[in-house]
Amino acid sequence: MTSEQHQYQHIDPSTLLDIADNNIEVFLELSATFLEIAPPMFMRLQAAILCGNMAAVTLESHSLKSTVALVGAKATAALLGRVEALSRSAPIDDIKPMLADLSALCAATEAEVRESIVRGNAQAARTGKNQPE
């Protein structure tokens, strides 16, 4: 599951693989956890933006920024960082136009994490590692 085998556009699986100490099973478990927690985080952020709850925008953008950074989603993390910064001082109308780009980046990030799981499972099968339950 190296970047030489597949070129990712929105994530860098080696970031999470480093965190997992190059253990493919741990990588797969962390990736699955990402897919469990990131979509609801984005939904909470989206709801906060749409209803203008700036405190929630700050909290959710910060939390999601940290989460996507773990999978090496630099562009997604950068946009979330801008949302977080704006949420501290700008009006919600400065943030709302960013929602479409944010939605697209989060969806692309999730799709590539799913792809990295498929590739990670294939690598684990090739190397004879046990699959996570």
N, C-alpha and C. Protein backbone atom coordinates (compact mmCIF):
# COMPACT_ATOMS: atom_id res chain seq x y z
N MET A 1 0.83 -1.18 0.00
CA MET A 1 0.00 0.00 0.00
C MET A 1 0.87 1.24 0.00
N THR A 2 1.80 1.26 -0.87
CA THR A 2 2.66 2.43 -0.97
C THR A 2 2.10 3.40 -1.99
N SER A 3 2.54 4.64 -1.90
CA SER A 3 2.05 5.64 -2.83
C SER A 3 2.55 5.35 -4.25
N GLU A 4 3.59 4.51 -4.39
CA GLU A 4 4.04 4.12 -5.72
C GLU A 4 3.00 3.24 -6.40
N GLN A 5 2.28 2.44 -5.64
CA GLN A 5 1.27 1.55 -6.20
C GLN A 5 0.02 2.31 -6.63
N HIS A 6 -0.32 3.33 -5.93
CA HIS A 6 -1.54 4.06 -6.22
C HIS A 6 -1.33 5.52 -5.85
N GLN A 7 -1.70 6.39 -6.73
CA GLN A 7 -1.56 7.82 -6.47
C GLN A 7 -2.86 8.35 -5.88
N TYR A 8 -2.84 8.76 -4.64
CA TYR A 8 -3.99 9.36 -3.99
C TYR A 8 -3.94 10.87 -4.22
N GLN A 9 -5.10 11.47 -4.39
CA GLN A 9 -5.16 12.92 -4.60
C GLN A 9 -5.53 13.69 -3.34
N HIS A 10 -6.23 13.04 -2.41
CA HIS A 10 -6.77 13.76 -1.26
C HIS A 10 -6.24 13.30 0.08
N ILE A 11 -5.61 12.14 0.12
CA ILE A 11 -5.04 11.64 1.37
C ILE A 11 -3.62 11.15 1.11
N ASP A 12 -2.91 10.94 2.20
CA ASP A 12 -1.60 10.31 2.14
C ASP A 12 -1.61 9.17 3.15
N PRO A 13 -1.91 7.95 2.69
CA PRO A 13 -2.02 6.83 3.63
C PRO A 13 -0.76 6.61 4.48
N SER A 14 0.39 7.04 4.00
CA SER A 14 1.61 6.84 4.78
C SER A 14 1.56 7.61 6.10
N THR A 15 0.78 8.68 6.16
CA THR A 15 0.64 9.43 7.41
C THR A 15 0.04 8.54 8.49
N LEU A 16 -1.07 7.89 8.17
CA LEU A 16 -1.73 7.01 9.14
C LEU A 16 -0.91 5.74 9.35
N LEU A 17 -0.26 5.25 8.31
CA LEU A 17 0.57 4.07 8.45
C LEU A 17 1.74 4.34 9.41
N ASP A 18 2.29 5.55 9.36
CA ASP A 18 3.34 5.93 10.31
C ASP A 18 2.80 5.94 11.74
N ILE A 19 1.60 6.50 11.90
CA ILE A 19 0.97 6.53 13.23
C ILE A 19 0.76 5.11 13.73
N ALA A 20 0.43 4.21 12.80
CA ALA A 20 0.20 2.79 13.15
C ALA A 20 1.50 2.01 13.27
N ASP A 21 2.62 2.69 13.22
CA ASP A 21 3.94 2.07 13.31
C ASP A 21 4.11 0.98 12.25
N ASN A 22 3.62 1.30 11.03
CA ASN A 22 3.71 0.40 9.87
C ASN A 22 3.03 -0.95 10.07
N ASN A 23 2.10 -1.01 11.01
CA ASN A 23 1.33 -2.22 11.25
C ASN A 23 0.04 -2.12 10.43
N ILE A 24 -0.09 -2.95 9.42
CA ILE A 24 -1.23 -2.86 8.51
C ILE A 24 -2.55 -3.13 9.22
N GLU A 25 -2.55 -4.02 10.19
CA GLU A 25 -3.78 -4.29 10.93
C GLU A 25 -4.24 -3.07 11.72
N VAL A 26 -3.32 -2.41 12.36
CA VAL A 26 -3.65 -1.19 13.11
C VAL A 26 -4.10 -0.11 12.14
N PHE A 27 -3.40 0.01 11.01
CA PHE A 27 -3.79 0.96 9.97
C PHE A 27 -5.24 0.74 9.54
N LEU A 28 -5.60 -0.51 9.30
CA LEU A 28 -6.96 -0.84 8.87
C LEU A 28 -7.99 -0.50 9.95
N GLU A 29 -7.66 -0.80 11.20
CA GLU A 29 -8.57 -0.48 12.30
C GLU A 29 -8.75 1.03 12.44
N LEU A 30 -7.66 1.78 12.35
CA LEU A 30 -7.74 3.24 12.45
C LEU A 30 -8.50 3.84 11.27
N SER A 31 -8.30 3.27 10.10
CA SER A 31 -9.03 3.74 8.92
C SER A 31 -10.53 3.51 9.07
N ALA A 32 -10.89 2.34 9.58
CA ALA A 32 -12.30 2.04 9.81
C ALA A 32 -12.90 2.98 10.86
N THR A 33 -12.12 3.27 11.88
CA THR A 33 -12.57 4.22 12.90
C THR A 33 -12.78 5.60 12.30
N PHE A 34 -11.87 6.01 11.42
CA PHE A 34 -12.03 7.29 10.73
C PHE A 34 -13.37 7.34 10.01
N LEU A 35 -13.69 6.26 9.30
CA LEU A 35 -14.94 6.24 8.54
C LEU A 35 -16.18 6.21 9.43
N GLU A 36 -16.02 5.77 10.66
CA GLU A 36 -17.14 5.79 11.60
C GLU A 36 -17.36 7.18 12.19
N ILE A 37 -16.27 7.90 12.44
CA ILE A 37 -16.41 9.17 13.16
C ILE A 37 -16.41 10.41 12.27
N ALA A 38 -15.71 10.39 11.15
CA ALA A 38 -15.60 11.59 10.33
C ALA A 38 -16.92 12.03 9.69
N PRO A 39 -17.69 11.13 9.08
CA PRO A 39 -18.95 11.59 8.46
C PRO A 39 -19.91 12.26 9.46
N PRO A 40 -20.12 11.69 10.65
CA PRO A 40 -20.99 12.40 11.60
C PRO A 40 -20.40 13.74 12.05
N MET A 41 -19.08 13.82 12.13
CA MET A 41 -18.45 15.10 12.48
C MET A 41 -18.75 16.14 11.41
N PHE A 42 -18.64 15.74 10.15
CA PHE A 42 -18.93 16.67 9.06
C PHE A 42 -20.40 17.08 9.09
N MET A 43 -21.28 16.14 9.35
CA MET A 43 -22.71 16.46 9.40
C MET A 43 -22.99 17.47 10.52
N ARG A 44 -22.33 17.32 11.66
CA ARG A 44 -22.52 18.29 12.75
C ARG A 44 -21.97 19.66 12.35
N LEU A 45 -20.83 19.67 11.66
CA LEU A 45 -20.25 20.93 11.19
C LEU A 45 -21.18 21.59 10.18
N GLN A 46 -21.67 20.82 9.24
CA GLN A 46 -22.58 21.36 8.23
C GLN A 46 -23.83 21.95 8.89
N ALA A 47 -24.40 21.24 9.83
CA ALA A 47 -25.59 21.74 10.53
C ALA A 47 -25.27 23.03 11.29
N ALA A 48 -24.11 23.08 11.92
CA ALA A 48 -23.72 24.28 12.67
C ALA A 48 -23.56 25.47 11.73
N ILE A 49 -22.98 25.24 10.56
CA ILE A 49 -22.81 26.32 9.59
C ILE A 49 -24.17 26.79 9.10
N LEU A 50 -25.02 25.85 8.76
CA LEU A 50 -26.33 26.21 8.20
C LEU A 50 -27.21 26.96 9.19
N CYS A 51 -27.08 26.64 10.47
CA CYS A 51 -27.90 27.35 11.45
C CYS A 51 -27.17 28.52 12.10
N GLY A 52 -25.91 28.73 11.73
CA GLY A 52 -25.17 29.89 12.22
C GLY A 52 -24.67 29.78 13.65
N ASN A 53 -24.48 28.57 14.14
CA ASN A 53 -23.99 28.36 15.50
C ASN A 53 -22.46 28.41 15.48
N MET A 54 -21.91 29.60 15.67
CA MET A 54 -20.47 29.79 15.52
C MET A 54 -19.65 29.00 16.54
N ALA A 55 -20.14 28.86 17.76
CA ALA A 55 -19.39 28.07 18.74
C ALA A 55 -19.26 26.63 18.28
N ALA A 56 -20.34 26.08 17.75
CA ALA A 56 -20.31 24.71 17.24
C ALA A 56 -19.45 24.63 15.98
N VAL A 57 -19.47 25.65 15.13
CA VAL A 57 -18.62 25.66 13.93
C VAL A 57 -17.15 25.59 14.36
N THR A 58 -16.79 26.38 15.35
CA THR A 58 -15.41 26.37 15.85
C THR A 58 -15.02 25.00 16.37
N LEU A 59 -15.85 24.42 17.21
CA LEU A 59 -15.57 23.12 17.81
C LEU A 59 -15.50 22.02 16.76
N GLU A 60 -16.50 21.95 15.90
CA GLU A 60 -16.57 20.86 14.93
C GLU A 60 -15.49 20.99 13.86
N SER A 61 -15.20 22.19 13.40
CA SER A 61 -14.15 22.35 12.38
C SER A 61 -12.79 22.00 12.97
N HIS A 62 -12.56 22.37 14.22
CA HIS A 62 -11.29 22.02 14.86
C HIS A 62 -11.14 20.51 15.02
N SER A 63 -12.20 19.86 15.49
CA SER A 63 -12.15 18.41 15.70
C SER A 63 -11.98 17.66 14.39
N LEU A 64 -12.74 18.06 13.37
CA LEU A 64 -12.66 17.38 12.09
C LEU A 64 -11.31 17.65 11.42
N LYS A 65 -10.78 18.85 11.59
CA LYS A 65 -9.46 19.17 11.04
C LYS A 65 -8.40 18.21 11.58
N SER A 66 -8.44 17.98 12.88
CA SER A 66 -7.48 17.06 13.49
C SER A 66 -7.68 15.63 13.00
N THR A 67 -8.91 15.24 12.81
CA THR A 67 -9.24 13.89 12.37
C THR A 67 -8.76 13.64 10.94
N VAL A 68 -9.04 14.58 10.03
CA VAL A 68 -8.63 14.37 8.64
C VAL A 68 -7.11 14.48 8.49
N ALA A 69 -6.47 15.22 9.36
CA ALA A 69 -5.01 15.32 9.31
C ALA A 69 -4.37 13.95 9.56
N LEU A 70 -5.02 13.11 10.36
CA LEU A 70 -4.48 11.78 10.66
C LEU A 70 -4.38 10.89 9.43
N VAL A 71 -5.24 11.14 8.43
CA VAL A 71 -5.19 10.34 7.20
C VAL A 71 -4.43 11.08 6.10
N GLY A 72 -3.77 12.16 6.47
CA GLY A 72 -2.96 12.90 5.51
C GLY A 72 -3.76 13.71 4.51
N ALA A 73 -4.96 14.12 4.90
CA ALA A 73 -5.81 14.92 4.01
C ALA A 73 -5.48 16.39 4.20
N LYS A 74 -4.37 16.81 3.60
CA LYS A 74 -3.85 18.16 3.84
C LYS A 74 -4.78 19.26 3.33
N ALA A 75 -5.32 19.12 2.15
CA ALA A 75 -6.20 20.17 1.61
C ALA A 75 -7.48 20.27 2.43
N THR A 76 -8.02 19.14 2.84
CA THR A 76 -9.23 19.14 3.65
C THR A 76 -8.94 19.78 5.01
N ALA A 77 -7.82 19.41 5.61
CA ALA A 77 -7.44 20.00 6.90
C ALA A 77 -7.21 21.50 6.77
N ALA A 78 -6.61 21.92 5.67
CA ALA A 78 -6.34 23.36 5.48
C ALA A 78 -7.66 24.14 5.37
N LEU A 79 -8.61 23.61 4.62
CA LEU A 79 -9.89 24.30 4.48
C LEU A 79 -10.62 24.33 5.82
N LEU A 80 -10.57 23.24 6.55
CA LEU A 80 -11.18 23.22 7.87
C LEU A 80 -10.50 24.21 8.80
N GLY A 81 -9.20 24.38 8.66
CA GLY A 81 -8.47 25.38 9.45
C GLY A 81 -8.94 26.79 9.13
N ARG A 82 -9.20 27.04 7.85
CA ARG A 82 -9.73 28.36 7.47
C ARG A 82 -11.13 28.58 8.06
N VAL A 83 -11.96 27.54 7.99
CA VAL A 83 -13.30 27.63 8.58
C VAL A 83 -13.18 27.91 10.08
N GLU A 84 -12.31 27.18 10.74
CA GLU A 84 -12.13 27.37 12.18
C GLU A 84 -11.68 28.80 12.49
N ALA A 85 -10.71 29.29 11.75
CA ALA A 85 -10.20 30.65 11.98
C ALA A 85 -11.31 31.69 11.75
N LEU A 86 -12.05 31.53 10.66
CA LEU A 86 -13.13 32.47 10.37
C LEU A 86 -14.22 32.41 11.43
N SER A 87 -14.46 31.22 11.96
CA SER A 87 -15.54 31.07 12.93
C SER A 87 -15.28 31.85 14.21
N ARG A 88 -14.05 32.23 14.44
CA ARG A 88 -13.70 32.96 15.65
C ARG A 88 -13.94 34.46 15.52
N SER A 89 -14.03 34.96 14.27
CA SER A 89 -14.14 36.41 14.15
C SER A 89 -15.02 36.91 13.00
N ALA A 90 -15.28 36.08 12.02
CA ALA A 90 -16.02 36.52 10.83
C ALA A 90 -17.50 36.16 10.95
N PRO A 91 -18.33 36.80 10.17
CA PRO A 91 -19.75 36.43 10.17
C PRO A 91 -19.95 35.09 9.45
N ILE A 92 -21.03 34.42 9.78
CA ILE A 92 -21.33 33.11 9.19
C ILE A 92 -21.43 33.20 7.67
N ASP A 93 -21.83 34.35 7.15
CA ASP A 93 -21.95 34.51 5.70
C ASP A 93 -20.60 34.41 4.99
N ASP A 94 -19.50 34.57 5.73
CA ASP A 94 -18.17 34.35 5.14
C ASP A 94 -17.82 32.87 5.07
N ILE A 95 -18.49 32.06 5.87
CA ILE A 95 -18.20 30.63 5.94
C ILE A 95 -19.14 29.82 5.04
N LYS A 96 -20.38 30.21 4.97
CA LYS A 96 -21.37 29.42 4.20
C LYS A 96 -20.93 29.12 2.77
N PRO A 97 -20.32 30.07 2.04
CA PRO A 97 -19.91 29.74 0.66
C PRO A 97 -18.83 28.65 0.58
N MET A 98 -18.16 28.36 1.67
CA MET A 98 -17.11 27.35 1.70
C MET A 98 -17.68 25.94 1.85
N LEU A 99 -18.96 25.86 2.17
CA LEU A 99 -19.58 24.57 2.48
C LEU A 99 -19.55 23.60 1.31
N ALA A 100 -19.77 24.08 0.10
CA ALA A 100 -19.75 23.18 -1.08
C ALA A 100 -18.37 22.58 -1.28
N ASP A 101 -17.32 23.40 -1.20
CA ASP A 101 -15.96 22.88 -1.34
C ASP A 101 -15.62 21.93 -0.20
N LEU A 102 -16.04 22.29 0.99
CA LEU A 102 -15.77 21.44 2.15
C LEU A 102 -16.47 20.10 2.01
N SER A 103 -17.70 20.12 1.54
CA SER A 103 -18.44 18.88 1.34
C SER A 103 -17.74 18.00 0.31
N ALA A 104 -17.30 18.59 -0.79
CA ALA A 104 -16.62 17.83 -1.84
C ALA A 104 -15.30 17.24 -1.32
N LEU A 105 -14.54 18.02 -0.59
CA LEU A 105 -13.26 17.53 -0.06
C LEU A 105 -13.47 16.42 0.97
N CYS A 106 -14.46 16.58 1.83
CA CYS A 106 -14.72 15.53 2.84
C CYS A 106 -15.16 14.24 2.15
N ALA A 107 -16.02 14.35 1.13
CA ALA A 107 -16.47 13.16 0.40
C ALA A 107 -15.29 12.49 -0.30
N ALA A 108 -14.42 13.27 -0.93
CA ALA A 108 -13.25 12.71 -1.62
C ALA A 108 -12.30 12.06 -0.62
N THR A 109 -12.14 12.68 0.53
CA THR A 109 -11.28 12.12 1.57
C THR A 109 -11.82 10.78 2.03
N GLU A 110 -13.12 10.71 2.31
CA GLU A 110 -13.74 9.46 2.74
C GLU A 110 -13.60 8.38 1.67
N ALA A 111 -13.80 8.75 0.41
CA ALA A 111 -13.69 7.77 -0.68
C ALA A 111 -12.28 7.20 -0.76
N GLU A 112 -11.29 8.06 -0.62
CA GLU A 112 -9.91 7.57 -0.70
C GLU A 112 -9.53 6.75 0.52
N VAL A 113 -10.07 7.07 1.68
CA VAL A 113 -9.81 6.23 2.85
C VAL A 113 -10.41 4.84 2.62
N ARG A 114 -11.60 4.80 2.04
CA ARG A 114 -12.20 3.50 1.71
C ARG A 114 -11.29 2.73 0.74
N GLU A 115 -10.77 3.42 -0.26
CA GLU A 115 -9.86 2.79 -1.22
C GLU A 115 -8.59 2.30 -0.53
N SER A 116 -8.07 3.09 0.42
CA SER A 116 -6.86 2.66 1.13
C SER A 116 -7.12 1.42 1.97
N ILE A 117 -8.35 1.26 2.45
CA ILE A 117 -8.70 0.05 3.21
C ILE A 117 -8.71 -1.15 2.27
N VAL A 118 -9.28 -0.99 1.10
CA VAL A 118 -9.29 -2.08 0.12
C VAL A 118 -7.85 -2.48 -0.21
N ARG A 119 -7.02 -1.51 -0.48
CA ARG A 119 -5.62 -1.79 -0.82
C ARG A 119 -4.87 -2.36 0.38
N GLY A 120 -5.19 -1.87 1.58
CA GLY A 120 -4.55 -2.40 2.78
C GLY A 120 -4.93 -3.84 3.04
N ASN A 121 -6.20 -4.15 2.83
CA ASN A 121 -6.65 -5.55 2.98
C ASN A 121 -5.95 -6.45 1.96
N ALA A 122 -5.80 -5.96 0.73
CA ALA A 122 -5.12 -6.75 -0.30
C ALA A 122 -3.66 -6.97 0.09
N GLN A 123 -3.02 -5.95 0.61
CA GLN A 123 -1.63 -6.09 1.03
C GLN A 123 -1.52 -7.08 2.19
N ALA A 124 -2.43 -6.97 3.14
CA ALA A 124 -2.41 -7.90 4.28
C ALA A 124 -2.60 -9.33 3.81
N ALA A 125 -3.46 -9.53 2.82
CA ALA A 125 -3.69 -10.88 2.29
C ALA A 125 -2.43 -11.40 1.59
N ARG A 126 -1.77 -10.52 0.84
CA ARG A 126 -0.54 -10.93 0.14
C ARG A 126 0.60 -11.28 1.10
N THR A 127 0.66 -10.57 2.21
CA THR A 127 1.77 -10.78 3.14
C THR A 127 1.42 -11.79 4.21
N GLY A 128 0.19 -12.32 4.17
CA GLY A 128 -0.20 -13.35 5.14
C GLY A 128 -0.55 -12.82 6.50
N LYS A 129 -0.75 -11.52 6.63
CA LYS A 129 -1.15 -10.97 7.92
C LYS A 129 -2.60 -11.31 8.18
N ASN A 130 -2.93 -11.51 9.45
CA ASN A 130 -4.32 -11.77 9.82
C ASN A 130 -5.14 -10.51 9.61
N GLN A 131 -6.35 -10.70 9.17
CA GLN A 131 -7.25 -9.57 8.95
C GLN A 131 -7.85 -9.16 10.28
N PRO A 132 -8.08 -7.86 10.48
CA PRO A 132 -8.75 -7.44 11.70
C PRO A 132 -10.20 -7.91 11.72
N GLU A 133 -10.72 -8.18 12.89
CA GLU A 133 -12.11 -8.64 13.01
C GLU A 133 -13.06 -7.48 12.99
